Structures are given as C-alpha cells and as structure tokens.
PDB file of all heavy atoms in Angstrom:
ATOM      1  N   ASP A   1      40.331  39.321  52.961  1.00  0.00           N
ATOM      2  CA  ASP A   1      41.551  38.639  52.525  1.00  0.00           C
ATOM      3  C   ASP A   1      42.788  39.499  52.768  1.00  0.00           C
ATOM      4  O   ASP A   1      43.841  39.002  53.178  1.00  0.00           O
ATOM      5  CB  ASP A   1      41.458  38.258  51.045  1.00  0.00           C
ATOM      6  CG  ASP A   1      40.386  37.212  50.785  1.00  0.00           C
ATOM      7  OD1 ASP A   1      40.042  36.460  51.737  1.00  0.00           O
ATOM      8  OD2 ASP A   1      39.867  37.141  49.652  1.00  0.00           O
ATOM      9  N   GLU A   2      42.667  40.802  52.531  1.00  0.00           N
ATOM     10  CA  GLU A   2      43.795  41.707  52.723  1.00  0.00           C
ATOM     11  C   GLU A   2      44.163  41.800  54.211  1.00  0.00           C
ATOM     12  O   GLU A   2      45.339  41.793  54.569  1.00  0.00           O
ATOM     13  CB  GLU A   2      43.419  43.091  52.185  1.00  0.00           C
ATOM     14  CG  GLU A   2      44.577  44.027  52.040  1.00  0.00           C
ATOM     15  CD  GLU A   2      44.175  45.306  51.334  1.00  0.00           C
ATOM     16  OE1 GLU A   2      43.501  45.238  50.292  1.00  0.00           O
ATOM     17  OE2 GLU A   2      44.541  46.376  51.861  1.00  0.00           O
ATOM     18  N   VAL A   3      43.145  41.871  55.054  1.00  0.00           N
ATOM     19  CA  VAL A   3      43.391  41.944  56.502  1.00  0.00           C
ATOM     20  C   VAL A   3      44.067  40.669  56.983  1.00  0.00           C
ATOM     21  O   VAL A   3      45.064  40.716  57.709  1.00  0.00           O
ATOM     22  CB  VAL A   3      42.073  42.192  57.272  1.00  0.00           C
ATOM     23  CG1 VAL A   3      42.265  41.984  58.766  1.00  0.00           C
ATOM     24  CG2 VAL A   3      41.552  43.594  56.991  1.00  0.00           C
ATOM     25  N   LEU A   4      43.537  39.523  56.579  1.00  0.00           N
ATOM     26  CA  LEU A   4      44.110  38.252  57.027  1.00  0.00           C
ATOM     27  C   LEU A   4      45.543  38.078  56.550  1.00  0.00           C
ATOM     28  O   LEU A   4      46.407  37.617  57.305  1.00  0.00           O
ATOM     29  CB  LEU A   4      43.243  37.089  56.563  1.00  0.00           C
ATOM     30  CG  LEU A   4      41.852  37.020  57.196  1.00  0.00           C
ATOM     31  CD1 LEU A   4      41.059  35.857  56.631  1.00  0.00           C
ATOM     32  CD2 LEU A   4      41.937  36.947  58.704  1.00  0.00           C
ATOM     33  N   ALA A   5      45.822  38.472  55.319  1.00  0.00           N
ATOM     34  CA  ALA A   5      47.184  38.355  54.795  1.00  0.00           C
ATOM     35  C   ALA A   5      48.139  39.275  55.565  1.00  0.00           C
ATOM     36  O   ALA A   5      49.286  38.912  55.826  1.00  0.00           O
ATOM     37  CB  ALA A   5      47.207  38.694  53.309  1.00  0.00           C
ATOM     38  N   ALA A   6      47.652  40.448  55.957  1.00  0.00           N
ATOM     39  CA  ALA A   6      48.513  41.416  56.643  1.00  0.00           C
ATOM     40  C   ALA A   6      48.850  40.995  58.067  1.00  0.00           C
ATOM     41  O   ALA A   6      49.940  41.304  58.559  1.00  0.00           O
ATOM     42  CB  ALA A   6      47.841  42.789  56.653  1.00  0.00           C
ATOM     43  N   ILE A   7      47.938  40.291  58.744  1.00  0.00           N
ATOM     44  CA  ILE A   7      48.194  39.956  60.157  1.00  0.00           C
ATOM     45  C   ILE A   7      48.653  38.517  60.373  1.00  0.00           C
ATOM     46  O   ILE A   7      49.003  38.149  61.493  1.00  0.00           O
ATOM     47  CB  ILE A   7      46.960  40.255  61.037  1.00  0.00           C
ATOM     48  CG1 ILE A   7      45.775  39.374  60.652  1.00  0.00           C
ATOM     49  CG2 ILE A   7      46.618  41.736  60.993  1.00  0.00           C
ATOM     50  CD1 ILE A   7      44.585  39.470  61.601  1.00  0.00           C
ATOM     51  N   ALA A   8      48.686  37.724  59.336  1.00  0.00           N
ATOM     52  CA  ALA A   8      49.139  36.327  59.477  1.00  0.00           C
ATOM     53  C   ALA A   8      50.544  36.289  60.056  1.00  0.00           C
ATOM     54  O   ALA A   8      51.433  37.019  59.635  1.00  0.00           O
ATOM     55  CB  ALA A   8      49.107  35.627  58.121  1.00  0.00           C
ATOM     56  N   GLY A   9      50.718  35.455  61.077  1.00  0.00           N
ATOM     57  CA  GLY A   9      52.024  35.280  61.708  1.00  0.00           C
ATOM     58  C   GLY A   9      52.327  36.290  62.801  1.00  0.00           C
ATOM     59  O   GLY A   9      53.353  36.181  63.471  1.00  0.00           O
ATOM     60  N   MET A  10      51.455  37.268  63.011  1.00  0.00           N
ATOM     61  CA  MET A  10      51.685  38.258  64.065  1.00  0.00           C
ATOM     62  C   MET A  10      51.153  37.758  65.403  1.00  0.00           C
ATOM     63  O   MET A  10      50.240  36.943  65.446  1.00  0.00           O
ATOM     64  CB  MET A  10      50.962  39.577  63.742  1.00  0.00           C
ATOM     65  CG  MET A  10      51.496  40.330  62.568  1.00  0.00           C
ATOM     66  SD  MET A  10      50.551  41.872  62.384  1.00  0.00           S
ATOM     67  CE  MET A  10      51.448  42.644  61.059  1.00  0.00           C
ATOM     68  N   THR A  11      51.710  38.299  66.470  1.00  0.00           N
ATOM     69  CA  THR A  11      51.138  38.027  67.795  1.00  0.00           C
ATOM     70  C   THR A  11      49.831  38.820  67.896  1.00  0.00           C
ATOM     71  O   THR A  11      49.558  39.688  67.061  1.00  0.00           O
ATOM     72  CB  THR A  11      52.085  38.483  68.916  1.00  0.00           C
ATOM     73  OG1 THR A  11      52.192  39.917  68.859  1.00  0.00           O
ATOM     74  CG2 THR A  11      53.456  37.829  68.803  1.00  0.00           C
ATOM     75  N   ALA A  12      49.057  38.533  68.934  1.00  0.00           N
ATOM     76  CA  ALA A  12      47.786  39.244  69.119  1.00  0.00           C
ATOM     77  C   ALA A  12      48.030  40.748  69.250  1.00  0.00           C
ATOM     78  O   ALA A  12      47.333  41.561  68.637  1.00  0.00           O
ATOM     79  CB  ALA A  12      47.032  38.705  70.341  1.00  0.00           C
ATOM     80  N   ALA A  13      49.029  41.137  70.023  1.00  0.00           N
ATOM     81  CA  ALA A  13      49.326  42.560  70.222  1.00  0.00           C
ATOM     82  C   ALA A  13      49.776  43.218  68.918  1.00  0.00           C
ATOM     83  O   ALA A  13      49.374  44.347  68.605  1.00  0.00           O
ATOM     84  CB  ALA A  13      50.393  42.731  71.297  1.00  0.00           C
ATOM     85  N   GLU A  14      50.609  42.516  68.157  1.00  0.00           N
ATOM     86  CA  GLU A  14      51.061  43.061  66.874  1.00  0.00           C
ATOM     87  C   GLU A  14      49.890  43.221  65.904  1.00  0.00           C
ATOM     88  O   GLU A  14      49.775  44.232  65.205  1.00  0.00           O
ATOM     89  CB  GLU A  14      52.117  42.144  66.250  1.00  0.00           C
ATOM     90  CG  GLU A  14      53.436  42.128  66.983  1.00  0.00           C
ATOM     91  CD  GLU A  14      54.369  41.030  66.472  1.00  0.00           C
ATOM     92  OE1 GLU A  14      53.886  40.038  65.869  1.00  0.00           O
ATOM     93  OE2 GLU A  14      55.585  41.167  66.702  1.00  0.00           O
ATOM     94  N   ALA A  15      48.999  42.236  65.866  1.00  0.00           N
ATOM     95  CA  ALA A  15      47.840  42.295  64.972  1.00  0.00           C
ATOM     96  C   ALA A  15      46.914  43.436  65.366  1.00  0.00           C
ATOM     97  O   ALA A  15      46.409  44.166  64.502  1.00  0.00           O
ATOM     98  CB  ALA A  15      47.094  40.965  64.991  1.00  0.00           C
ATOM     99  N   GLU A  16      46.677  43.620  66.658  1.00  0.00           N
ATOM    100  CA  GLU A  16      45.819  44.723  67.105  1.00  0.00           C
ATOM    101  C   GLU A  16      46.426  46.067  66.721  1.00  0.00           C
ATOM    102  O   GLU A  16      45.718  46.969  66.277  1.00  0.00           O
ATOM    103  CB  GLU A  16      45.582  44.635  68.613  1.00  0.00           C
ATOM    104  CG  GLU A  16      44.645  43.509  68.986  1.00  0.00           C
ATOM    105  CD  GLU A  16      44.497  43.309  70.487  1.00  0.00           C
ATOM    106  OE1 GLU A  16      45.180  44.008  71.280  1.00  0.00           O
ATOM    107  OE2 GLU A  16      43.699  42.434  70.870  1.00  0.00           O
ATOM    108  N   ALA A  17      47.743  46.215  66.862  1.00  0.00           N
ATOM    109  CA  ALA A  17      48.415  47.465  66.477  1.00  0.00           C
ATOM    110  C   ALA A  17      48.306  47.692  64.972  1.00  0.00           C
ATOM    111  O   ALA A  17      48.073  48.811  64.513  1.00  0.00           O
ATOM    112  CB  ALA A  17      49.874  47.439  66.922  1.00  0.00           C
ATOM    113  N   ALA A  18      48.475  46.627  64.197  1.00  0.00           N
ATOM    114  CA  ALA A  18      48.399  46.742  62.743  1.00  0.00           C
ATOM    115  C   ALA A  18      46.994  47.110  62.273  1.00  0.00           C
ATOM    116  O   ALA A  18      46.830  47.790  61.260  1.00  0.00           O
ATOM    117  CB  ALA A  18      48.839  45.432  62.090  1.00  0.00           C
ATOM    118  N   LEU A  19      45.999  46.665  63.010  1.00  0.00           N
ATOM    119  CA  LEU A  19      44.600  46.931  62.633  1.00  0.00           C
ATOM    120  C   LEU A  19      44.082  48.251  63.197  1.00  0.00           C
ATOM    121  O   LEU A  19      42.969  48.666  62.863  1.00  0.00           O
ATOM    122  CB  LEU A  19      43.707  45.779  63.095  1.00  0.00           C
ATOM    123  CG  LEU A  19      44.014  44.423  62.463  1.00  0.00           C
ATOM    124  CD1 LEU A  19      43.201  43.326  63.133  1.00  0.00           C
ATOM    125  CD2 LEU A  19      43.742  44.465  60.969  1.00  0.00           C
ATOM    126  N   ALA A  20      44.850  48.931  64.019  1.00  0.00           N
ATOM    127  CA  ALA A  20      44.391  50.163  64.667  1.00  0.00           C
ATOM    128  C   ALA A  20      43.969  51.246  63.674  1.00  0.00           C
ATOM    129  O   ALA A  20      43.087  52.038  63.963  1.00  0.00           O
ATOM    130  CB  ALA A  20      45.472  50.697  65.599  1.00  0.00           C
ATOM    131  N   GLY A  21      44.578  51.262  62.510  1.00  0.00           N
ATOM    132  CA  GLY A  21      44.243  52.275  61.512  1.00  0.00           C
ATOM    133  C   GLY A  21      42.861  52.130  60.902  1.00  0.00           C
ATOM    134  O   GLY A  21      42.348  53.070  60.292  1.00  0.00           O
ATOM    135  N   ILE A  22      42.249  50.975  61.065  1.00  0.00           N
ATOM    136  CA  ILE A  22      40.909  50.781  60.485  1.00  0.00           C
ATOM    137  C   ILE A  22      39.841  50.615  61.555  1.00  0.00           C
ATOM    138  O   ILE A  22      38.682  50.378  61.234  1.00  0.00           O
ATOM    139  CB  ILE A  22      40.873  49.592  59.495  1.00  0.00           C
ATOM    140  CG1 ILE A  22      41.301  48.294  60.157  1.00  0.00           C
ATOM    141  CG2 ILE A  22      41.704  49.893  58.274  1.00  0.00           C
ATOM    142  CD1 ILE A  22      41.160  47.077  59.269  1.00  0.00           C
ATOM    143  N   GLY A  23      40.225  50.744  62.822  1.00  0.00           N
ATOM    144  CA  GLY A  23      39.236  50.658  63.895  1.00  0.00           C
ATOM    145  C   GLY A  23      39.763  49.878  65.078  1.00  0.00           C
ATOM    146  O   GLY A  23      40.898  49.412  65.088  1.00  0.00           O
ATOM    147  N   ASP A  24      38.931  49.768  66.092  1.00  0.00           N
ATOM    148  CA  ASP A  24      39.303  49.011  67.280  1.00  0.00           C
ATOM    149  C   ASP A  24      39.346  47.525  66.935  1.00  0.00           C
ATOM    150  O   ASP A  24      38.431  47.009  66.306  1.00  0.00           O
ATOM    151  CB  ASP A  24      38.286  49.232  68.405  1.00  0.00           C
ATOM    152  CG  ASP A  24      38.308  50.662  68.912  1.00  0.00           C
ATOM    153  OD1 ASP A  24      39.361  51.314  68.797  1.00  0.00           O
ATOM    154  OD2 ASP A  24      37.266  51.131  69.406  1.00  0.00           O
ATOM    155  N   ALA A  25      40.399  46.868  67.357  1.00  0.00           N
ATOM    156  CA  ALA A  25      40.539  45.438  67.072  1.00  0.00           C
ATOM    157  C   ALA A  25      40.749  44.687  68.373  1.00  0.00           C
ATOM    158  O   ALA A  25      41.446  45.155  69.276  1.00  0.00           O
ATOM    159  CB  ALA A  25      41.720  45.197  66.137  1.00  0.00           C
ATOM    160  N   ASP A  26      40.128  43.545  68.440  1.00  0.00           N
ATOM    161  CA  ASP A  26      40.302  42.652  69.585  1.00  0.00           C
ATOM    162  C   ASP A  26      40.717  41.305  69.005  1.00  0.00           C
ATOM    163  O   ASP A  26      39.903  40.610  68.405  1.00  0.00           O
ATOM    164  CB  ASP A  26      38.993  42.529  70.365  1.00  0.00           C
ATOM    165  CG  ASP A  26      39.139  41.632  71.582  1.00  0.00           C
ATOM    166  OD1 ASP A  26      40.279  41.414  72.037  1.00  0.00           O
ATOM    167  OD2 ASP A  26      38.104  41.150  72.077  1.00  0.00           O
ATOM    168  N   VAL A  27      41.982  40.972  69.151  1.00  0.00           N
ATOM    169  CA  VAL A  27      42.510  39.734  68.587  1.00  0.00           C
ATOM    170  C   VAL A  27      42.663  38.725  69.721  1.00  0.00           C
ATOM    171  O   VAL A  27      43.367  38.970  70.691  1.00  0.00           O
ATOM    172  CB  VAL A  27      43.864  39.964  67.886  1.00  0.00           C
ATOM    173  CG1 VAL A  27      44.433  38.647  67.363  1.00  0.00           C
ATOM    174  CG2 VAL A  27      43.707  40.979  66.756  1.00  0.00           C
ATOM    175  N   THR A  28      41.974  37.623  69.591  1.00  0.00           N
ATOM    176  CA  THR A  28      42.037  36.549  70.579  1.00  0.00           C
ATOM    177  C   THR A  28      42.556  35.303  69.874  1.00  0.00           C
ATOM    178  O   THR A  28      42.002  34.896  68.849  1.00  0.00           O
ATOM    179  CB  THR A  28      40.626  36.269  71.161  1.00  0.00           C
ATOM    180  OG1 THR A  28      40.116  37.483  71.694  1.00  0.00           O
ATOM    181  CG2 THR A  28      40.689  35.213  72.236  1.00  0.00           C
ATOM    182  N   LEU A  29      43.597  34.729  70.442  1.00  0.00           N
ATOM    183  CA  LEU A  29      44.162  33.507  69.856  1.00  0.00           C
ATOM    184  C   LEU A  29      43.641  32.301  70.627  1.00  0.00           C
ATOM    185  O   LEU A  29      43.551  32.315  71.857  1.00  0.00           O
ATOM    186  CB  LEU A  29      45.692  33.560  69.916  1.00  0.00           C
ATOM    187  CG  LEU A  29      46.341  34.739  69.183  1.00  0.00           C
ATOM    188  CD1 LEU A  29      47.843  34.736  69.418  1.00  0.00           C
ATOM    189  CD2 LEU A  29      46.026  34.695  67.694  1.00  0.00           C
ATOM    190  N   TRP A  30      43.299  31.269  69.875  1.00  0.00           N
ATOM    191  CA  TRP A  30      42.794  30.049  70.492  1.00  0.00           C
ATOM    192  C   TRP A  30      43.314  28.867  69.706  1.00  0.00           C
ATOM    193  O   TRP A  30      43.379  28.931  68.476  1.00  0.00           O
ATOM    194  CB  TRP A  30      41.260  30.060  70.484  1.00  0.00           C
ATOM    195  CG  TRP A  30      40.708  28.847  71.151  1.00  0.00           C
ATOM    196  CD1 TRP A  30      40.416  28.685  72.462  1.00  0.00           C
ATOM    197  CD2 TRP A  30      40.375  27.607  70.519  1.00  0.00           C
ATOM    198  NE1 TRP A  30      39.941  27.439  72.702  1.00  0.00           N
ATOM    199  CE2 TRP A  30      39.903  26.738  71.498  1.00  0.00           C
ATOM    200  CE3 TRP A  30      40.453  27.120  69.206  1.00  0.00           C
ATOM    201  CZ2 TRP A  30      39.494  25.437  71.241  1.00  0.00           C
ATOM    202  CZ3 TRP A  30      40.046  25.831  68.941  1.00  0.00           C
ATOM    203  CH2 TRP A  30      39.576  25.004  69.964  1.00  0.00           C
ATOM    204  N   PRO A  31      43.688  27.817  70.307  1.00  0.00           N
ATOM    205  CA  PRO A  31      43.760  27.560  71.750  1.00  0.00           C
ATOM    206  C   PRO A  31      44.853  28.404  72.403  1.00  0.00           C
ATOM    207  O   PRO A  31      45.657  29.041  71.730  1.00  0.00           O
ATOM    208  CB  PRO A  31      44.063  26.070  71.841  1.00  0.00           C
ATOM    209  CG  PRO A  31      44.642  25.702  70.517  1.00  0.00           C
ATOM    210  CD  PRO A  31      44.113  26.676  69.512  1.00  0.00           C
ATOM    211  N   GLY A  32      44.871  28.370  73.735  1.00  0.00           N
ATOM    212  CA  GLY A  32      45.755  29.224  74.526  1.00  0.00           C
ATOM    213  C   GLY A  32      47.233  29.096  74.220  1.00  0.00           C
ATOM    214  O   GLY A  32      47.990  30.036  74.408  1.00  0.00           O
ATOM    215  N   TRP A  33      47.681  27.938  73.741  1.00  0.00           N
ATOM    216  CA  TRP A  33      49.102  27.758  73.453  1.00  0.00           C
ATOM    217  C   TRP A  33      49.508  28.388  72.119  1.00  0.00           C
ATOM    218  O   TRP A  33      50.691  28.501  71.809  1.00  0.00           O
ATOM    219  CB  TRP A  33      49.480  26.281  73.472  1.00  0.00           C
ATOM    220  CG  TRP A  33      48.577  25.384  72.674  1.00  0.00           C
ATOM    221  CD1 TRP A  33      47.541  24.650  73.146  1.00  0.00           C
ATOM    222  CD2 TRP A  33      48.624  25.145  71.260  1.00  0.00           C
ATOM    223  NE1 TRP A  33      46.924  23.959  72.129  1.00  0.00           N
ATOM    224  CE2 TRP A  33      47.588  24.245  70.945  1.00  0.00           C
ATOM    225  CE3 TRP A  33      49.439  25.583  70.221  1.00  0.00           C
ATOM    226  CZ2 TRP A  33      47.329  23.803  69.660  1.00  0.00           C
ATOM    227  CZ3 TRP A  33      49.188  25.130  68.934  1.00  0.00           C
ATOM    228  CH2 TRP A  33      48.146  24.256  68.675  1.00  0.00           C
ATOM    229  N   THR A  34      48.526  28.864  71.331  1.00  0.00           N
ATOM    230  CA  THR A  34      48.843  29.504  70.045  1.00  0.00           C
ATOM    231  C   THR A  34      49.439  30.882  70.310  1.00  0.00           C
ATOM    232  O   THR A  34      48.921  31.650  71.111  1.00  0.00           O
ATOM    233  CB  THR A  34      47.567  29.651  69.183  1.00  0.00           C
ATOM    234  OG1 THR A  34      46.964  28.380  69.029  1.00  0.00           O
ATOM    235  CG2 THR A  34      47.867  30.250  67.832  1.00  0.00           C
ATOM    236  N   SER A  35      50.527  31.218  69.628  1.00  0.00           N
ATOM    237  CA  SER A  35      51.187  32.500  69.891  1.00  0.00           C
ATOM    238  C   SER A  35      51.052  33.509  68.747  1.00  0.00           C
ATOM    239  O   SER A  35      51.339  34.686  68.928  1.00  0.00           O
ATOM    240  CB  SER A  35      52.673  32.272  70.187  1.00  0.00           C
ATOM    241  OG  SER A  35      53.294  31.654  69.067  1.00  0.00           O
ATOM    242  N   THR A  36      50.618  33.048  67.556  1.00  0.00           N
ATOM    243  CA  THR A  36      50.493  33.960  66.412  1.00  0.00           C
ATOM    244  C   THR A  36      49.203  33.669  65.639  1.00  0.00           C
ATOM    245  O   THR A  36      48.619  32.596  65.750  1.00  0.00           O
ATOM    246  CB  THR A  36      51.684  33.815  65.435  1.00  0.00           C
ATOM    247  OG1 THR A  36      51.723  32.476  64.947  1.00  0.00           O
ATOM    248  CG2 THR A  36      53.004  34.166  66.112  1.00  0.00           C
ATOM    249  N   VAL A  37      48.812  34.641  64.843  1.00  0.00           N
ATOM    250  CA  VAL A  37      47.626  34.491  63.986  1.00  0.00           C
ATOM    251  C   VAL A  37      47.961  33.471  62.906  1.00  0.00           C
ATOM    252  O   VAL A  37      49.006  33.585  62.247  1.00  0.00           O
ATOM    253  CB  VAL A  37      47.245  35.846  63.339  1.00  0.00           C
ATOM    254  CG1 VAL A  37      46.073  35.669  62.384  1.00  0.00           C
ATOM    255  CG2 VAL A  37      46.927  36.887  64.408  1.00  0.00           C
ATOM    256  N   PRO A  38      47.109  32.473  62.728  1.00  0.00           N
ATOM    257  CA  PRO A  38      47.379  31.445  61.712  1.00  0.00           C
ATOM    258  C   PRO A  38      47.473  32.044  60.306  1.00  0.00           C
ATOM    259  O   PRO A  38      46.826  33.039  59.990  1.00  0.00           O
ATOM    260  CB  PRO A  38      46.172  30.507  61.807  1.00  0.00           C
ATOM    261  CG  PRO A  38      45.539  30.812  63.117  1.00  0.00           C
ATOM    262  CD  PRO A  38      45.870  32.216  63.442  1.00  0.00           C
ATOM    263  N   GLY A  39      48.266  31.416  59.479  1.00  0.00           N
ATOM    264  CA  GLY A  39      48.405  31.850  58.095  1.00  0.00           C
ATOM    265  C   GLY A  39      47.310  31.315  57.193  1.00  0.00           C
ATOM    266  O   GLY A  39      47.163  31.774  56.064  1.00  0.00           O
ATOM    267  N   MET A  40      46.555  30.351  57.672  1.00  0.00           N
ATOM    268  CA  MET A  40      45.469  29.763  56.878  1.00  0.00           C
ATOM    269  C   MET A  40      44.172  30.510  57.186  1.00  0.00           C
ATOM    270  O   MET A  40      43.672  30.458  58.308  1.00  0.00           O
ATOM    271  CB  MET A  40      45.323  28.278  57.195  1.00  0.00           C
ATOM    272  CG  MET A  40      46.567  27.480  56.815  1.00  0.00           C
ATOM    273  SD  MET A  40      46.525  25.794  57.470  1.00  0.00           S
ATOM    274  CE  MET A  40      46.991  26.087  59.163  1.00  0.00           C
ATOM    275  N   ALA A  41      43.639  31.203  56.197  1.00  0.00           N
ATOM    276  CA  ALA A  41      42.462  32.052  56.394  1.00  0.00           C
ATOM    277  C   ALA A  41      41.275  31.285  56.960  1.00  0.00           C
ATOM    278  O   ALA A  41      40.505  31.830  57.751  1.00  0.00           O
ATOM    279  CB  ALA A  41      42.080  32.723  55.081  1.00  0.00           C
ATOM    280  N   TRP A  42      41.137  30.023  56.628  1.00  0.00           N
ATOM    281  CA  TRP A  42      39.980  29.256  57.099  1.00  0.00           C
ATOM    282  C   TRP A  42      40.043  28.997  58.603  1.00  0.00           C
ATOM    283  O   TRP A  42      39.039  28.641  59.215  1.00  0.00           O
ATOM    284  CB  TRP A  42      39.841  27.941  56.323  1.00  0.00           C
ATOM    285  CG  TRP A  42      41.007  27.003  56.462  1.00  0.00           C
ATOM    286  CD1 TRP A  42      42.122  26.962  55.692  1.00  0.00           C
ATOM    287  CD2 TRP A  42      41.159  25.970  57.449  1.00  0.00           C
ATOM    288  NE1 TRP A  42      42.976  25.971  56.133  1.00  0.00           N
ATOM    289  CE2 TRP A  42      42.400  25.338  57.221  1.00  0.00           C
ATOM    290  CE3 TRP A  42      40.378  25.515  58.507  1.00  0.00           C
ATOM    291  CZ2 TRP A  42      42.869  24.300  57.986  1.00  0.00           C
ATOM    292  CZ3 TRP A  42      40.853  24.464  59.272  1.00  0.00           C
ATOM    293  CH2 TRP A  42      42.084  23.871  59.006  1.00  0.00           C
ATOM    294  N   ARG A  43      41.206  29.225  59.212  1.00  0.00           N
ATOM    295  CA  ARG A  43      41.342  29.020  60.665  1.00  0.00           C
ATOM    296  C   ARG A  43      41.133  30.308  61.448  1.00  0.00           C
ATOM    297  O   ARG A  43      41.272  30.326  62.663  1.00  0.00           O
ATOM    298  CB  ARG A  43      42.730  28.467  60.969  1.00  0.00           C
ATOM    299  CG  ARG A  43      42.917  27.095  60.333  1.00  0.00           C
ATOM    300  CD  ARG A  43      43.961  26.278  60.964  1.00  0.00           C
ATOM    301  NE  ARG A  43      43.681  26.088  62.386  1.00  0.00           N
ATOM    302  CZ  ARG A  43      44.625  25.841  63.286  1.00  0.00           C
ATOM    303  NH1 ARG A  43      45.873  25.759  62.912  1.00  0.00           N
ATOM    304  NH2 ARG A  43      44.327  25.679  64.537  1.00  0.00           N
ATOM    305  N   VAL A  44      40.793  31.402  60.750  1.00  0.00           N
ATOM    306  CA  VAL A  44      40.623  32.700  61.407  1.00  0.00           C
ATOM    307  C   VAL A  44      39.161  33.123  61.303  1.00  0.00           C
ATOM    308  O   VAL A  44      38.571  33.093  60.230  1.00  0.00           O
ATOM    309  CB  VAL A  44      41.523  33.777  60.754  1.00  0.00           C
ATOM    310  CG1 VAL A  44      41.294  35.132  61.402  1.00  0.00           C
ATOM    311  CG2 VAL A  44      42.986  33.370  60.828  1.00  0.00           C
TER     312      VAL A  44
END
C-alpha cells in the first residue's frame, strides 16, 4: 500500500527512480496510451 501510494500518478521512469532505494524496479504501463501509474491500487 505504501509503495502504490508513493508512485501513483508518476510516469514509469519517475516510479522506477522512486523505487530504486528498495531494489531494481521495472515499471510497465498498460495499455500503451497510459502515461502514469494509476491511483487506484486495484489497477496495479
């Protein structure tokens, strides 16, 4: 929950940078037209 709240609304690159402190992160957004991490946890 803490991770999802912290990266909600970020781009994939921003989310990967934010998660770097806890390990390697690979953030993939889908569908392709999506530009940010959804704010609804059930969609992540």
